[in-house]
Amino acid sequence: MTHGSHEVGRAGARSLNQMLALGFGAVYTLVAVLGFFVAETFAGTGQEENGQIFGLFQVNHLHNLVHLLIGVALIAAAKRHDTARGANLAIGVTYVALAVIGPFLTGTDLNIVALNAPDHWLHLASGLALAGVALAADRGGARTTV
């Protein structure tokens, strides 16, 4: 293990930030793939109804592409502690901002990624988890390994 990058060390131990990035990355990637099976178009909810995941989360192909990019980015970032922490923080803060702004977009033509109320709550929870772990766990040289 190198001290500067905090790469995976003894017996494959990963930091909490790495595990969270890997877990969230896998979930967002799987949700993106699932979304491509239920969405029919790139249209947002401002134009017409589209697919729903679990009968709850509105999606369109653009929404699925965004989830796929975020999932792949988190998985790639999970290889090193510093990149995992940075990705968790950046994506977490972005998701919190989207949770705040999203309700103002829902039902308008600006809603190009087909956001709905359950999406806002999920983005808020995801954002708080990602940013919270990035800010509170594994800071400096001390890190928790799983």
N, C-alpha and C. Protein backbone atom coordinates (compact mmCIF):
# COMPACT_ATOMS: atom_id res chain seq x y z
N MET A 1 0.85 -1.18 0.00
CA MET A 1 0.00 0.00 0.00
C MET A 1 0.89 1.23 0.00
N THR A 2 0.53 2.20 -0.81
CA THR A 2 1.27 3.46 -0.81
C THR A 2 0.54 4.46 0.06
N HIS A 3 1.30 5.27 0.79
CA HIS A 3 0.66 6.22 1.70
C HIS A 3 0.01 7.37 0.97
N GLY A 4 0.56 7.80 -0.16
CA GLY A 4 0.02 8.95 -0.88
C GLY A 4 -1.30 8.68 -1.57
N SER A 5 -1.47 7.51 -2.13
CA SER A 5 -2.68 7.25 -2.90
C SER A 5 -3.69 6.41 -2.15
N HIS A 6 -3.27 5.76 -1.06
CA HIS A 6 -4.16 4.88 -0.31
C HIS A 6 -4.79 3.83 -1.20
N GLU A 7 -4.00 3.16 -2.00
CA GLU A 7 -4.50 2.09 -2.84
C GLU A 7 -4.90 0.92 -1.97
N VAL A 8 -5.57 -0.04 -2.56
CA VAL A 8 -5.98 -1.22 -1.83
C VAL A 8 -4.73 -1.84 -1.21
N GLY A 9 -4.79 -2.09 0.09
CA GLY A 9 -3.62 -2.57 0.81
C GLY A 9 -3.76 -4.01 1.24
N ARG A 10 -3.38 -4.26 2.46
CA ARG A 10 -3.28 -5.60 3.00
C ARG A 10 -4.53 -6.44 2.74
N ALA A 11 -4.30 -7.59 2.16
CA ALA A 11 -5.34 -8.57 1.89
C ALA A 11 -6.57 -7.97 1.23
N GLY A 12 -6.38 -6.97 0.38
CA GLY A 12 -7.50 -6.39 -0.36
C GLY A 12 -8.38 -5.45 0.45
N ALA A 13 -7.91 -4.97 1.60
CA ALA A 13 -8.71 -4.06 2.42
C ALA A 13 -8.98 -2.78 1.66
N ARG A 14 -10.21 -2.32 1.75
CA ARG A 14 -10.62 -1.08 1.08
C ARG A 14 -11.11 -0.10 2.13
N SER A 15 -10.94 1.16 1.84
CA SER A 15 -11.46 2.19 2.74
C SER A 15 -12.98 2.26 2.60
N LEU A 16 -13.62 2.91 3.56
CA LEU A 16 -15.06 3.09 3.52
C LEU A 16 -15.47 3.85 2.26
N ASN A 17 -14.69 4.86 1.88
CA ASN A 17 -14.99 5.61 0.66
C ASN A 17 -14.92 4.71 -0.57
N GLN A 18 -13.94 3.82 -0.62
CA GLN A 18 -13.83 2.91 -1.76
C GLN A 18 -15.02 1.96 -1.81
N MET A 19 -15.39 1.40 -0.67
CA MET A 19 -16.53 0.47 -0.63
C MET A 19 -17.83 1.17 -1.03
N LEU A 20 -18.02 2.39 -0.54
CA LEU A 20 -19.23 3.13 -0.88
C LEU A 20 -19.27 3.46 -2.37
N ALA A 21 -18.15 3.90 -2.91
CA ALA A 21 -18.09 4.21 -4.35
C ALA A 21 -18.38 2.96 -5.17
N LEU A 22 -17.80 1.84 -4.79
CA LEU A 22 -18.02 0.59 -5.51
C LEU A 22 -19.48 0.15 -5.41
N GLY A 23 -20.04 0.21 -4.22
CA GLY A 23 -21.44 -0.19 -4.02
C GLY A 23 -22.42 0.69 -4.77
N PHE A 24 -22.28 2.00 -4.59
CA PHE A 24 -23.18 2.93 -5.29
C PHE A 24 -22.96 2.85 -6.80
N GLY A 25 -21.72 2.68 -7.21
CA GLY A 25 -21.44 2.55 -8.64
C GLY A 25 -22.12 1.34 -9.24
N ALA A 26 -22.06 0.22 -8.54
CA ALA A 26 -22.72 -1.00 -9.04
C ALA A 26 -24.23 -0.82 -9.10
N VAL A 27 -24.82 -0.21 -8.07
CA VAL A 27 -26.26 -0.01 -8.04
C VAL A 27 -26.70 0.94 -9.16
N TYR A 28 -26.01 2.06 -9.32
CA TYR A 28 -26.39 3.01 -10.37
C TYR A 28 -26.20 2.43 -11.76
N THR A 29 -25.19 1.60 -11.95
CA THR A 29 -24.98 0.95 -13.24
C THR A 29 -26.12 -0.04 -13.52
N LEU A 30 -26.48 -0.84 -12.53
CA LEU A 30 -27.57 -1.79 -12.71
C LEU A 30 -28.91 -1.09 -12.95
N VAL A 31 -29.15 0.01 -12.23
CA VAL A 31 -30.38 0.77 -12.42
C VAL A 31 -30.42 1.36 -13.83
N ALA A 32 -29.29 1.81 -14.34
CA ALA A 32 -29.23 2.35 -15.70
C ALA A 32 -29.60 1.28 -16.71
N VAL A 33 -29.02 0.10 -16.56
CA VAL A 33 -29.32 -0.99 -17.49
C VAL A 33 -30.80 -1.36 -17.41
N LEU A 34 -31.33 -1.48 -16.21
CA LEU A 34 -32.75 -1.77 -16.04
C LEU A 34 -33.60 -0.69 -16.68
N GLY A 35 -33.20 0.56 -16.51
CA GLY A 35 -33.95 1.68 -17.07
C GLY A 35 -34.08 1.63 -18.58
N PHE A 36 -33.05 1.12 -19.26
CA PHE A 36 -33.14 1.02 -20.72
C PHE A 36 -34.21 0.03 -21.16
N PHE A 37 -34.58 -0.90 -20.30
CA PHE A 37 -35.63 -1.86 -20.64
C PHE A 37 -37.03 -1.30 -20.43
N VAL A 38 -37.17 -0.28 -19.58
CA VAL A 38 -38.50 0.25 -19.31
C VAL A 38 -38.76 1.59 -20.00
N ALA A 39 -37.73 2.36 -20.31
CA ALA A 39 -37.91 3.65 -20.96
C ALA A 39 -38.06 3.45 -22.47
N GLU A 40 -38.84 4.31 -23.07
CA GLU A 40 -39.08 4.19 -24.50
C GLU A 40 -38.41 5.27 -25.33
N THR A 41 -38.17 6.44 -24.74
CA THR A 41 -37.65 7.57 -25.52
C THR A 41 -36.65 8.38 -24.70
N PHE A 42 -36.17 9.45 -25.31
CA PHE A 42 -35.33 10.42 -24.62
C PHE A 42 -36.18 11.55 -24.05
N ALA A 43 -37.48 11.53 -24.27
CA ALA A 43 -38.36 12.61 -23.84
C ALA A 43 -38.44 12.68 -22.33
N GLY A 44 -38.46 13.90 -21.79
CA GLY A 44 -38.63 14.11 -20.36
C GLY A 44 -40.11 14.14 -20.01
N THR A 45 -40.43 14.21 -18.73
CA THR A 45 -41.82 14.21 -18.32
C THR A 45 -42.53 15.50 -18.72
N GLY A 46 -41.79 16.53 -19.10
CA GLY A 46 -42.42 17.75 -19.58
C GLY A 46 -43.10 17.53 -20.92
N GLN A 47 -42.62 16.56 -21.72
CA GLN A 47 -43.20 16.30 -23.02
C GLN A 47 -44.22 15.16 -23.01
N GLU A 48 -43.87 14.05 -22.39
CA GLU A 48 -44.76 12.88 -22.39
C GLU A 48 -44.30 11.90 -21.31
N GLU A 49 -45.20 10.99 -20.97
CA GLU A 49 -44.83 9.97 -19.99
C GLU A 49 -43.81 9.02 -20.59
N ASN A 50 -43.00 8.44 -19.76
CA ASN A 50 -41.98 7.50 -20.19
C ASN A 50 -41.98 6.33 -19.23
N GLY A 51 -40.88 5.58 -19.15
CA GLY A 51 -40.83 4.39 -18.32
C GLY A 51 -40.65 4.70 -16.85
N GLN A 52 -40.98 3.71 -16.03
CA GLN A 52 -40.77 3.81 -14.59
C GLN A 52 -40.05 2.57 -14.10
N ILE A 53 -39.10 2.77 -13.20
CA ILE A 53 -38.41 1.66 -12.55
C ILE A 53 -39.14 1.38 -11.25
N PHE A 54 -39.48 0.12 -11.03
CA PHE A 54 -40.22 -0.32 -9.84
C PHE A 54 -41.54 0.41 -9.69
N GLY A 55 -42.10 0.92 -10.81
CA GLY A 55 -43.36 1.64 -10.78
C GLY A 55 -43.31 2.93 -9.98
N LEU A 56 -42.10 3.45 -9.74
CA LEU A 56 -41.94 4.59 -8.86
C LEU A 56 -41.06 5.69 -9.44
N PHE A 57 -39.90 5.31 -9.98
CA PHE A 57 -38.92 6.27 -10.45
C PHE A 57 -39.04 6.47 -11.95
N GLN A 58 -39.41 7.70 -12.35
CA GLN A 58 -39.55 8.04 -13.76
C GLN A 58 -38.16 8.08 -14.42
N VAL A 59 -38.02 7.47 -15.59
CA VAL A 59 -36.75 7.49 -16.32
C VAL A 59 -37.00 7.67 -17.80
N ASN A 60 -35.98 8.16 -18.48
CA ASN A 60 -35.93 8.17 -19.94
C ASN A 60 -34.50 7.77 -20.31
N HIS A 61 -34.21 7.68 -21.58
CA HIS A 61 -32.89 7.22 -21.98
C HIS A 61 -31.77 8.16 -21.53
N LEU A 62 -32.02 9.46 -21.51
CA LEU A 62 -31.00 10.40 -21.04
C LEU A 62 -30.73 10.18 -19.55
N HIS A 63 -31.78 9.99 -18.78
CA HIS A 63 -31.65 9.70 -17.35
C HIS A 63 -30.81 8.44 -17.15
N ASN A 64 -31.08 7.42 -17.96
CA ASN A 64 -30.34 6.16 -17.87
C ASN A 64 -28.87 6.35 -18.23
N LEU A 65 -28.58 7.16 -19.25
CA LEU A 65 -27.20 7.43 -19.61
C LEU A 65 -26.45 8.14 -18.49
N VAL A 66 -27.12 9.08 -17.82
CA VAL A 66 -26.50 9.78 -16.70
C VAL A 66 -26.20 8.79 -15.58
N HIS A 67 -27.17 7.93 -15.25
CA HIS A 67 -26.92 6.92 -14.22
C HIS A 67 -25.78 5.99 -14.61
N LEU A 68 -25.70 5.62 -15.87
CA LEU A 68 -24.63 4.75 -16.33
C LEU A 68 -23.27 5.43 -16.18
N LEU A 69 -23.17 6.68 -16.58
CA LEU A 69 -21.90 7.42 -16.45
C LEU A 69 -21.50 7.57 -14.99
N ILE A 70 -22.45 7.88 -14.13
CA ILE A 70 -22.15 8.02 -12.70
C ILE A 70 -21.72 6.67 -12.12
N GLY A 71 -22.42 5.62 -12.48
CA GLY A 71 -22.07 4.29 -11.98
C GLY A 71 -20.68 3.87 -12.39
N VAL A 72 -20.36 4.04 -13.66
CA VAL A 72 -19.03 3.67 -14.16
C VAL A 72 -17.95 4.55 -13.53
N ALA A 73 -18.23 5.84 -13.36
CA ALA A 73 -17.26 6.74 -12.73
C ALA A 73 -16.98 6.33 -11.29
N LEU A 74 -18.01 5.97 -10.55
CA LEU A 74 -17.82 5.55 -9.16
C LEU A 74 -17.05 4.23 -9.08
N ILE A 75 -17.37 3.29 -9.95
CA ILE A 75 -16.65 2.02 -9.97
C ILE A 75 -15.17 2.24 -10.28
N ALA A 76 -14.90 3.07 -11.28
CA ALA A 76 -13.50 3.35 -11.64
C ALA A 76 -12.78 4.08 -10.50
N ALA A 77 -13.47 5.00 -9.85
CA ALA A 77 -12.86 5.76 -8.76
C ALA A 77 -12.58 4.89 -7.54
N ALA A 78 -13.29 3.81 -7.38
CA ALA A 78 -13.16 2.95 -6.20
C ALA A 78 -11.82 2.23 -6.12
N LYS A 79 -11.03 2.28 -7.16
CA LYS A 79 -9.73 1.59 -7.16
C LYS A 79 -8.75 2.20 -6.17
N ARG A 80 -8.88 3.50 -5.93
CA ARG A 80 -7.96 4.20 -5.01
C ARG A 80 -8.77 5.01 -4.02
N HIS A 81 -8.25 5.11 -2.82
CA HIS A 81 -8.95 5.86 -1.78
C HIS A 81 -9.16 7.32 -2.16
N ASP A 82 -8.13 7.99 -2.63
CA ASP A 82 -8.24 9.42 -2.91
C ASP A 82 -9.22 9.71 -4.04
N THR A 83 -9.22 8.88 -5.06
CA THR A 83 -10.18 9.09 -6.16
C THR A 83 -11.60 8.74 -5.73
N ALA A 84 -11.74 7.71 -4.90
CA ALA A 84 -13.07 7.34 -4.39
C ALA A 84 -13.64 8.47 -3.55
N ARG A 85 -12.82 9.02 -2.66
CA ARG A 85 -13.27 10.12 -1.81
C ARG A 85 -13.66 11.33 -2.65
N GLY A 86 -12.85 11.67 -3.64
CA GLY A 86 -13.15 12.80 -4.51
C GLY A 86 -14.43 12.60 -5.31
N ALA A 87 -14.60 11.41 -5.85
CA ALA A 87 -15.81 11.11 -6.63
C ALA A 87 -17.04 11.11 -5.74
N ASN A 88 -16.93 10.52 -4.56
CA ASN A 88 -18.07 10.52 -3.63
C ASN A 88 -18.48 11.93 -3.28
N LEU A 89 -17.50 12.79 -3.03
CA LEU A 89 -17.81 14.17 -2.67
C LEU A 89 -18.44 14.93 -3.85
N ALA A 90 -17.84 14.84 -5.01
CA ALA A 90 -18.35 15.57 -6.18
C ALA A 90 -19.75 15.10 -6.57
N ILE A 91 -19.94 13.80 -6.64
CA ILE A 91 -21.24 13.27 -7.04
C ILE A 91 -22.26 13.50 -5.93
N GLY A 92 -21.83 13.36 -4.67
CA GLY A 92 -22.74 13.60 -3.55
C GLY A 92 -23.26 15.03 -3.52
N VAL A 93 -22.37 15.99 -3.66
CA VAL A 93 -22.78 17.40 -3.66
C VAL A 93 -23.69 17.70 -4.86
N THR A 94 -23.36 17.12 -6.00
CA THR A 94 -24.20 17.31 -7.19
C THR A 94 -25.60 16.75 -6.97
N TYR A 95 -25.68 15.57 -6.37
CA TYR A 95 -26.99 14.96 -6.11
C TYR A 95 -27.80 15.77 -5.09
N VAL A 96 -27.16 16.32 -4.07
CA VAL A 96 -27.88 17.16 -3.12
C VAL A 96 -28.42 18.40 -3.83
N ALA A 97 -27.59 19.01 -4.67
CA ALA A 97 -28.05 20.18 -5.43
C ALA A 97 -29.22 19.81 -6.35
N LEU A 98 -29.12 18.65 -6.99
CA LEU A 98 -30.21 18.21 -7.87
C LEU A 98 -31.49 17.96 -7.08
N ALA A 99 -31.36 17.45 -5.86
CA ALA A 99 -32.54 17.22 -5.03
C ALA A 99 -33.23 18.53 -4.66
N VAL A 100 -32.44 19.60 -4.51
CA VAL A 100 -33.00 20.91 -4.18
C VAL A 100 -33.61 21.57 -5.42
N ILE A 101 -32.93 21.47 -6.55
CA ILE A 101 -33.39 22.12 -7.79
C ILE A 101 -34.47 21.31 -8.50
N GLY A 102 -34.39 20.00 -8.40
CA GLY A 102 -35.28 19.10 -9.13
C GLY A 102 -36.77 19.39 -9.02
N PRO A 103 -37.29 19.65 -7.82
CA PRO A 103 -38.73 19.91 -7.73
C PRO A 103 -39.20 21.11 -8.56
N PHE A 104 -38.31 22.05 -8.80
CA PHE A 104 -38.68 23.20 -9.61
C PHE A 104 -38.71 22.86 -11.11
N LEU A 105 -38.08 21.75 -11.48
CA LEU A 105 -38.04 21.31 -12.88
C LEU A 105 -39.16 20.34 -13.22
N THR A 106 -39.60 19.58 -12.23
CA THR A 106 -40.61 18.55 -12.45
C THR A 106 -41.87 19.15 -13.08
N GLY A 107 -42.33 18.51 -14.15
CA GLY A 107 -43.54 18.96 -14.83
C GLY A 107 -43.32 20.08 -15.82
N THR A 108 -42.07 20.47 -16.06
CA THR A 108 -41.79 21.53 -17.03
C THR A 108 -41.00 20.96 -18.21
N ASP A 109 -40.88 21.75 -19.25
CA ASP A 109 -40.09 21.34 -20.41
C ASP A 109 -38.59 21.31 -20.10
N LEU A 110 -38.16 21.88 -18.98
CA LEU A 110 -36.76 21.83 -18.57
C LEU A 110 -36.39 20.49 -17.94
N ASN A 111 -37.37 19.67 -17.68
CA ASN A 111 -37.15 18.37 -17.05
C ASN A 111 -36.74 17.33 -18.09
N ILE A 112 -35.56 17.52 -18.65
CA ILE A 112 -35.13 16.67 -19.77
C ILE A 112 -34.70 15.27 -19.34
N VAL A 113 -34.48 15.05 -18.04
CA VAL A 113 -34.08 13.72 -17.58
C VAL A 113 -35.21 13.00 -16.84
N ALA A 114 -36.43 13.46 -17.00
CA ALA A 114 -37.62 12.79 -16.46
C ALA A 114 -37.56 12.60 -14.95
N LEU A 115 -37.34 13.68 -14.22
CA LEU A 115 -37.32 13.61 -12.76
C LEU A 115 -38.73 13.63 -12.20
N ASN A 116 -38.92 12.92 -11.08
CA ASN A 116 -40.18 12.99 -10.36
C ASN A 116 -39.88 13.03 -8.86
N ALA A 117 -40.91 13.15 -8.03
CA ALA A 117 -40.72 13.31 -6.59
C ALA A 117 -39.90 12.18 -5.96
N PRO A 118 -40.17 10.91 -6.27
CA PRO A 118 -39.32 9.86 -5.69
C PRO A 118 -37.84 10.01 -6.07
N ASP A 119 -37.56 10.49 -7.29
CA ASP A 119 -36.17 10.74 -7.70
C ASP A 119 -35.52 11.77 -6.79
N HIS A 120 -36.25 12.82 -6.45
CA HIS A 120 -35.69 13.89 -5.62
C HIS A 120 -35.28 13.34 -4.25
N TRP A 121 -36.13 12.52 -3.66
CA TRP A 121 -35.81 11.94 -2.35
C TRP A 121 -34.63 10.98 -2.44
N LEU A 122 -34.60 10.18 -3.51
CA LEU A 122 -33.49 9.25 -3.69
C LEU A 122 -32.18 10.00 -3.94
N HIS A 123 -32.22 11.06 -4.73
CA HIS A 123 -31.03 11.87 -4.98
C HIS A 123 -30.54 12.53 -3.70
N LEU A 124 -31.47 13.00 -2.87
CA LEU A 124 -31.08 13.60 -1.60
C LEU A 124 -30.40 12.57 -0.70
N ALA A 125 -30.99 11.39 -0.57
CA ALA A 125 -30.41 10.35 0.28
C ALA A 125 -29.05 9.90 -0.25
N SER A 126 -28.96 9.67 -1.56
CA SER A 126 -27.68 9.27 -2.17
C SER A 126 -26.63 10.34 -1.99
N GLY A 127 -27.01 11.58 -2.23
CA GLY A 127 -26.06 12.68 -2.12
C GLY A 127 -25.56 12.87 -0.71
N LEU A 128 -26.45 12.78 0.27
CA LEU A 128 -26.03 12.93 1.66
C LEU A 128 -25.12 11.79 2.08
N ALA A 129 -25.42 10.57 1.64
CA ALA A 129 -24.57 9.42 1.98
C ALA A 129 -23.19 9.57 1.36
N LEU A 130 -23.14 9.87 0.06
CA LEU A 130 -21.85 9.99 -0.62
C LEU A 130 -21.02 11.14 -0.07
N ALA A 131 -21.61 12.32 0.01
CA ALA A 131 -20.87 13.49 0.50
C ALA A 131 -20.53 13.34 1.98
N GLY A 132 -21.45 12.80 2.75
CA GLY A 132 -21.22 12.62 4.18
C GLY A 132 -20.04 11.71 4.46
N VAL A 133 -19.98 10.58 3.77
CA VAL A 133 -18.86 9.66 3.96
C VAL A 133 -17.57 10.29 3.46
N ALA A 134 -17.64 10.99 2.34
CA ALA A 134 -16.44 11.64 1.81
C ALA A 134 -15.88 12.65 2.79
N LEU A 135 -16.75 13.38 3.48
CA LEU A 135 -16.29 14.42 4.41
C LEU A 135 -15.94 13.87 5.80
N ALA A 136 -16.61 12.81 6.22
CA ALA A 136 -16.45 12.36 7.60
C ALA A 136 -15.53 11.16 7.77
N ALA A 137 -15.43 10.31 6.77
CA ALA A 137 -14.66 9.07 6.93
C ALA A 137 -13.31 9.16 6.21
N ASP A 138 -12.39 8.38 6.67
CA ASP A 138 -11.11 8.19 5.98
C ASP A 138 -10.34 9.47 5.74
N ARG A 139 -10.46 10.46 6.60
CA ARG A 139 -9.76 11.72 6.39
C ARG A 139 -8.30 11.60 6.78
N GLY A 140 -7.47 12.31 6.08
CA GLY A 140 -6.05 12.31 6.39
C GLY A 140 -5.42 10.94 6.25
N GLY A 141 -4.50 10.63 7.13
CA GLY A 141 -3.82 9.34 7.05
C GLY A 141 -4.60 8.22 7.69
N ALA A 142 -5.51 8.54 8.62
CA ALA A 142 -6.29 7.50 9.28
C ALA A 142 -7.48 7.14 8.44
N ARG A 143 -7.65 5.86 8.19
CA ARG A 143 -8.81 5.43 7.42
C ARG A 143 -9.31 4.11 7.95
N THR A 144 -10.59 3.93 7.83
CA THR A 144 -11.21 2.68 8.22
C THR A 144 -11.20 1.74 7.04
N THR A 145 -10.78 0.52 7.25
CA THR A 145 -10.79 -0.45 6.16
C THR A 145 -11.84 -1.50 6.43
N VAL A 146 -12.41 -2.00 5.36
CA VAL A 146 -13.46 -3.01 5.47
C VAL A 146 -12.94 -4.28 4.85
